Amino acid sequence: MLTWPVQDAKARFSEFLDTCVSEGPQVVTRRGIETAVLVPIDEWRRLQVAARPSLKQVLLTDSARTDQLVPARGKARRRHTARLE
């Protein structure tokens, strides 16, 4: 994986992109600190699928799923409606 200073990545973006497509992820640094990574779209999609559980996995999990759907008691926002007198 190559490392590109941000100035080089900006100035030579076509080469930066071509290298990413042909050789894989490329790291971008700012002031010598690794800041971002450019990855080929196929790898990005693979990572996205791997990061999300499938519907089947969610439905078959042992943990309760309702905890995520219902706000904690006392944390729900109430709607204020005007009183008609």
N, C-alpha and C. Protein backbone atom coordinates (compact mmCIF):
# COMPACT_ATOMS: atom_id res chain seq x y z
N MET A 1 0.86 -1.17 0.00
CA MET A 1 0.00 0.00 0.00
C MET A 1 0.90 1.24 0.00
N LEU A 2 0.73 2.07 -0.99
CA LEU A 2 1.53 3.29 -1.09
C LEU A 2 0.96 4.39 -0.20
N THR A 3 1.83 5.29 0.20
CA THR A 3 1.42 6.45 0.98
C THR A 3 1.65 7.70 0.14
N TRP A 4 0.64 8.54 0.08
CA TRP A 4 0.70 9.77 -0.72
C TRP A 4 0.48 10.98 0.18
N PRO A 5 1.40 11.93 0.18
CA PRO A 5 1.11 13.19 0.84
C PRO A 5 -0.09 13.85 0.14
N VAL A 6 -0.91 14.54 0.87
CA VAL A 6 -2.12 15.12 0.29
C VAL A 6 -1.83 16.01 -0.91
N GLN A 7 -0.71 16.74 -0.87
CA GLN A 7 -0.37 17.61 -2.00
C GLN A 7 -0.13 16.78 -3.27
N ASP A 8 0.56 15.64 -3.15
CA ASP A 8 0.81 14.78 -4.30
C ASP A 8 -0.48 14.13 -4.80
N ALA A 9 -1.31 13.69 -3.87
CA ALA A 9 -2.58 13.07 -4.26
C ALA A 9 -3.45 14.06 -5.04
N LYS A 10 -3.45 15.33 -4.61
CA LYS A 10 -4.23 16.36 -5.31
C LYS A 10 -3.61 16.68 -6.67
N ALA A 11 -2.32 16.86 -6.71
CA ALA A 11 -1.64 17.27 -7.94
C ALA A 11 -1.62 16.15 -8.99
N ARG A 12 -1.59 14.91 -8.53
CA ARG A 12 -1.48 13.77 -9.46
C ARG A 12 -2.67 12.83 -9.26
N PHE A 13 -3.87 13.41 -9.17
CA PHE A 13 -5.05 12.62 -8.82
C PHE A 13 -5.30 11.46 -9.79
N SER A 14 -5.15 11.68 -11.09
CA SER A 14 -5.38 10.59 -12.06
C SER A 14 -4.44 9.42 -11.79
N GLU A 15 -3.18 9.71 -11.52
CA GLU A 15 -2.22 8.66 -11.21
C GLU A 15 -2.57 7.99 -9.89
N PHE A 16 -2.96 8.79 -8.91
CA PHE A 16 -3.39 8.30 -7.60
C PHE A 16 -4.56 7.32 -7.76
N LEU A 17 -5.56 7.71 -8.55
CA LEU A 17 -6.72 6.87 -8.79
C LEU A 17 -6.35 5.60 -9.56
N ASP A 18 -5.54 5.74 -10.60
CA ASP A 18 -5.12 4.57 -11.38
C ASP A 18 -4.34 3.58 -10.52
N THR A 19 -3.47 4.08 -9.67
CA THR A 19 -2.70 3.22 -8.78
C THR A 19 -3.62 2.47 -7.82
N CYS A 20 -4.62 3.17 -7.32
CA CYS A 20 -5.59 2.55 -6.43
C CYS A 20 -6.30 1.39 -7.14
N VAL A 21 -6.75 1.64 -8.36
CA VAL A 21 -7.48 0.62 -9.12
C VAL A 21 -6.58 -0.57 -9.45
N SER A 22 -5.33 -0.31 -9.81
CA SER A 22 -4.44 -1.40 -10.23
C SER A 22 -3.73 -2.10 -9.08
N GLU A 23 -3.42 -1.37 -7.99
CA GLU A 23 -2.60 -1.94 -6.91
C GLU A 23 -3.33 -2.08 -5.58
N GLY A 24 -4.49 -1.47 -5.45
CA GLY A 24 -5.24 -1.57 -4.20
C GLY A 24 -5.23 -0.28 -3.42
N PRO A 25 -5.67 -0.34 -2.16
CA PRO A 25 -5.82 0.86 -1.34
C PRO A 25 -4.57 1.72 -1.27
N GLN A 26 -4.80 3.04 -1.23
CA GLN A 26 -3.72 4.02 -1.16
C GLN A 26 -3.98 4.92 0.05
N VAL A 27 -2.97 5.13 0.86
CA VAL A 27 -3.09 5.96 2.07
C VAL A 27 -2.71 7.40 1.74
N VAL A 28 -3.48 8.33 2.28
CA VAL A 28 -3.18 9.76 2.12
C VAL A 28 -2.74 10.29 3.48
N THR A 29 -1.64 11.04 3.48
CA THR A 29 -1.15 11.63 4.72
C THR A 29 -1.26 13.14 4.68
N ARG A 30 -1.47 13.72 5.84
CA ARG A 30 -1.46 15.18 5.99
C ARG A 30 -0.47 15.49 7.10
N ARG A 31 0.55 16.25 6.76
CA ARG A 31 1.64 16.58 7.70
C ARG A 31 2.25 15.32 8.31
N GLY A 32 2.37 14.28 7.48
CA GLY A 32 3.01 13.03 7.92
C GLY A 32 2.11 12.09 8.70
N ILE A 33 0.85 12.45 8.91
CA ILE A 33 -0.08 11.61 9.67
C ILE A 33 -1.07 10.96 8.72
N GLU A 34 -1.19 9.63 8.81
CA GLU A 34 -2.15 8.92 7.96
C GLU A 34 -3.55 9.46 8.24
N THR A 35 -4.23 9.92 7.18
CA THR A 35 -5.50 10.62 7.34
C THR A 35 -6.66 9.93 6.66
N ALA A 36 -6.42 9.35 5.48
CA ALA A 36 -7.51 8.75 4.71
C ALA A 36 -6.96 7.63 3.84
N VAL A 37 -7.89 6.84 3.30
CA VAL A 37 -7.52 5.75 2.40
C VAL A 37 -8.45 5.78 1.20
N LEU A 38 -7.89 5.66 0.01
CA LEU A 38 -8.68 5.51 -1.20
C LEU A 38 -8.67 4.03 -1.55
N VAL A 39 -9.86 3.44 -1.66
CA VAL A 39 -9.97 2.02 -1.98
C VAL A 39 -10.76 1.83 -3.26
N PRO A 40 -10.48 0.77 -4.02
CA PRO A 40 -11.27 0.48 -5.21
C PRO A 40 -12.72 0.20 -4.83
N ILE A 41 -13.65 0.54 -5.71
CA ILE A 41 -15.07 0.43 -5.41
C ILE A 41 -15.49 -1.00 -5.07
N ASP A 42 -14.93 -1.99 -5.73
CA ASP A 42 -15.29 -3.38 -5.42
C ASP A 42 -14.92 -3.74 -3.99
N GLU A 43 -13.77 -3.29 -3.55
CA GLU A 43 -13.36 -3.56 -2.17
C GLU A 43 -14.24 -2.81 -1.19
N TRP A 44 -14.60 -1.57 -1.52
CA TRP A 44 -15.49 -0.79 -0.66
C TRP A 44 -16.83 -1.50 -0.49
N ARG A 45 -17.39 -1.98 -1.59
CA ARG A 45 -18.68 -2.68 -1.51
C ARG A 45 -18.56 -3.95 -0.68
N ARG A 46 -17.47 -4.67 -0.84
CA ARG A 46 -17.25 -5.88 -0.05
C ARG A 46 -17.17 -5.55 1.44
N LEU A 47 -16.48 -4.48 1.75
CA LEU A 47 -16.36 -4.06 3.16
C LEU A 47 -17.72 -3.63 3.72
N GLN A 48 -18.52 -2.96 2.91
CA GLN A 48 -19.84 -2.53 3.35
C GLN A 48 -20.73 -3.72 3.66
N VAL A 49 -20.71 -4.73 2.81
CA VAL A 49 -21.51 -5.93 3.04
C VAL A 49 -21.03 -6.65 4.30
N ALA A 50 -19.73 -6.74 4.47
CA ALA A 50 -19.16 -7.44 5.63
C ALA A 50 -19.47 -6.70 6.93
N ALA A 51 -19.63 -5.39 6.88
CA ALA A 51 -19.86 -4.61 8.09
C ALA A 51 -21.31 -4.67 8.57
N ARG A 52 -22.23 -5.00 7.67
CA ARG A 52 -23.65 -5.05 8.02
C ARG A 52 -24.10 -6.48 8.20
N PRO A 53 -24.84 -6.75 9.26
CA PRO A 53 -25.40 -8.10 9.38
C PRO A 53 -26.55 -8.25 8.38
N SER A 54 -26.75 -9.46 7.91
CA SER A 54 -27.87 -9.71 7.00
C SER A 54 -29.17 -9.73 7.81
N LEU A 55 -30.28 -9.63 7.13
CA LEU A 55 -31.58 -9.70 7.80
C LEU A 55 -31.71 -11.02 8.54
N LYS A 56 -31.24 -12.09 7.92
CA LYS A 56 -31.31 -13.40 8.57
C LYS A 56 -30.51 -13.39 9.87
N GLN A 57 -29.32 -12.80 9.86
CA GLN A 57 -28.50 -12.75 11.07
C GLN A 57 -29.19 -11.94 12.15
N VAL A 58 -29.82 -10.84 11.78
CA VAL A 58 -30.52 -10.00 12.76
C VAL A 58 -31.68 -10.75 13.38
N LEU A 59 -32.46 -11.44 12.55
CA LEU A 59 -33.63 -12.16 13.06
C LEU A 59 -33.27 -13.36 13.91
N LEU A 60 -32.12 -13.97 13.66
CA LEU A 60 -31.72 -15.15 14.40
C LEU A 60 -30.86 -14.85 15.63
N THR A 61 -30.57 -13.60 15.87
CA THR A 61 -29.73 -13.25 17.01
C THR A 61 -30.43 -13.55 18.34
N ASP A 62 -29.64 -13.86 19.36
CA ASP A 62 -30.20 -14.17 20.68
C ASP A 62 -30.59 -12.91 21.45
N SER A 63 -29.96 -11.80 21.15
CA SER A 63 -30.23 -10.58 21.93
C SER A 63 -31.56 -9.95 21.50
N ALA A 64 -32.15 -9.25 22.42
CA ALA A 64 -33.43 -8.60 22.14
C ALA A 64 -33.23 -7.47 21.15
N ARG A 65 -34.11 -7.39 20.20
CA ARG A 65 -34.01 -6.36 19.18
C ARG A 65 -34.85 -5.13 19.55
N THR A 66 -35.73 -5.27 20.52
CA THR A 66 -36.60 -4.15 20.87
C THR A 66 -35.86 -3.04 21.59
N ASP A 67 -34.71 -3.33 22.20
CA ASP A 67 -33.95 -2.31 22.91
C ASP A 67 -33.56 -1.17 21.98
N GLN A 68 -33.35 -1.50 20.73
CA GLN A 68 -32.94 -0.48 19.76
C GLN A 68 -34.13 0.30 19.24
N LEU A 69 -35.32 -0.24 19.37
CA LEU A 69 -36.50 0.40 18.80
C LEU A 69 -37.21 1.33 19.77
N VAL A 70 -37.11 1.04 21.06
CA VAL A 70 -37.84 1.80 22.05
C VAL A 70 -36.86 2.67 22.84
N PRO A 71 -37.09 3.99 22.90
CA PRO A 71 -36.18 4.83 23.68
C PRO A 71 -36.27 4.51 25.16
N ALA A 72 -35.19 4.74 25.87
CA ALA A 72 -35.18 4.50 27.31
C ALA A 72 -36.26 5.34 27.99
N ARG A 73 -36.82 4.79 29.04
CA ARG A 73 -37.91 5.46 29.75
C ARG A 73 -37.44 6.83 30.23
N GLY A 74 -38.26 7.83 29.98
CA GLY A 74 -37.94 9.18 30.40
C GLY A 74 -37.09 9.93 29.39
N LYS A 75 -36.64 9.26 28.37
CA LYS A 75 -35.78 9.89 27.37
C LYS A 75 -36.57 10.33 26.12
N ALA A 76 -37.79 9.85 26.00
CA ALA A 76 -38.59 10.19 24.83
C ALA A 76 -38.99 11.66 24.88
N ARG A 77 -39.02 12.27 23.73
CA ARG A 77 -39.44 13.67 23.66
C ARG A 77 -40.96 13.70 23.57
N ARG A 78 -41.55 14.61 24.29
CA ARG A 78 -43.00 14.73 24.24
C ARG A 78 -43.40 15.84 23.29
N ARG A 79 -44.50 15.60 22.62
CA ARG A 79 -45.01 16.65 21.75
C ARG A 79 -45.87 17.57 22.59
N HIS A 80 -45.64 18.83 22.43
CA HIS A 80 -46.44 19.82 23.13
C HIS A 80 -47.53 20.28 22.20
N THR A 81 -48.74 20.14 22.65
CA THR A 81 -49.87 20.59 21.83
C THR A 81 -50.56 21.74 22.55
N ALA A 82 -51.05 22.62 21.76
CA ALA A 82 -51.76 23.77 22.34
C ALA A 82 -53.10 23.31 22.88
N ARG A 83 -53.45 23.81 24.05
CA ARG A 83 -54.73 23.46 24.65
C ARG A 83 -55.82 24.35 24.07
N LEU A 84 -56.89 23.73 23.72
CA LEU A 84 -58.04 24.49 23.25
C LEU A 84 -58.99 24.65 24.40
N GLU A 85 -59.37 25.86 24.73
CA GLU A 85 -60.27 26.10 25.85
C GLU A 85 -61.59 26.62 25.37
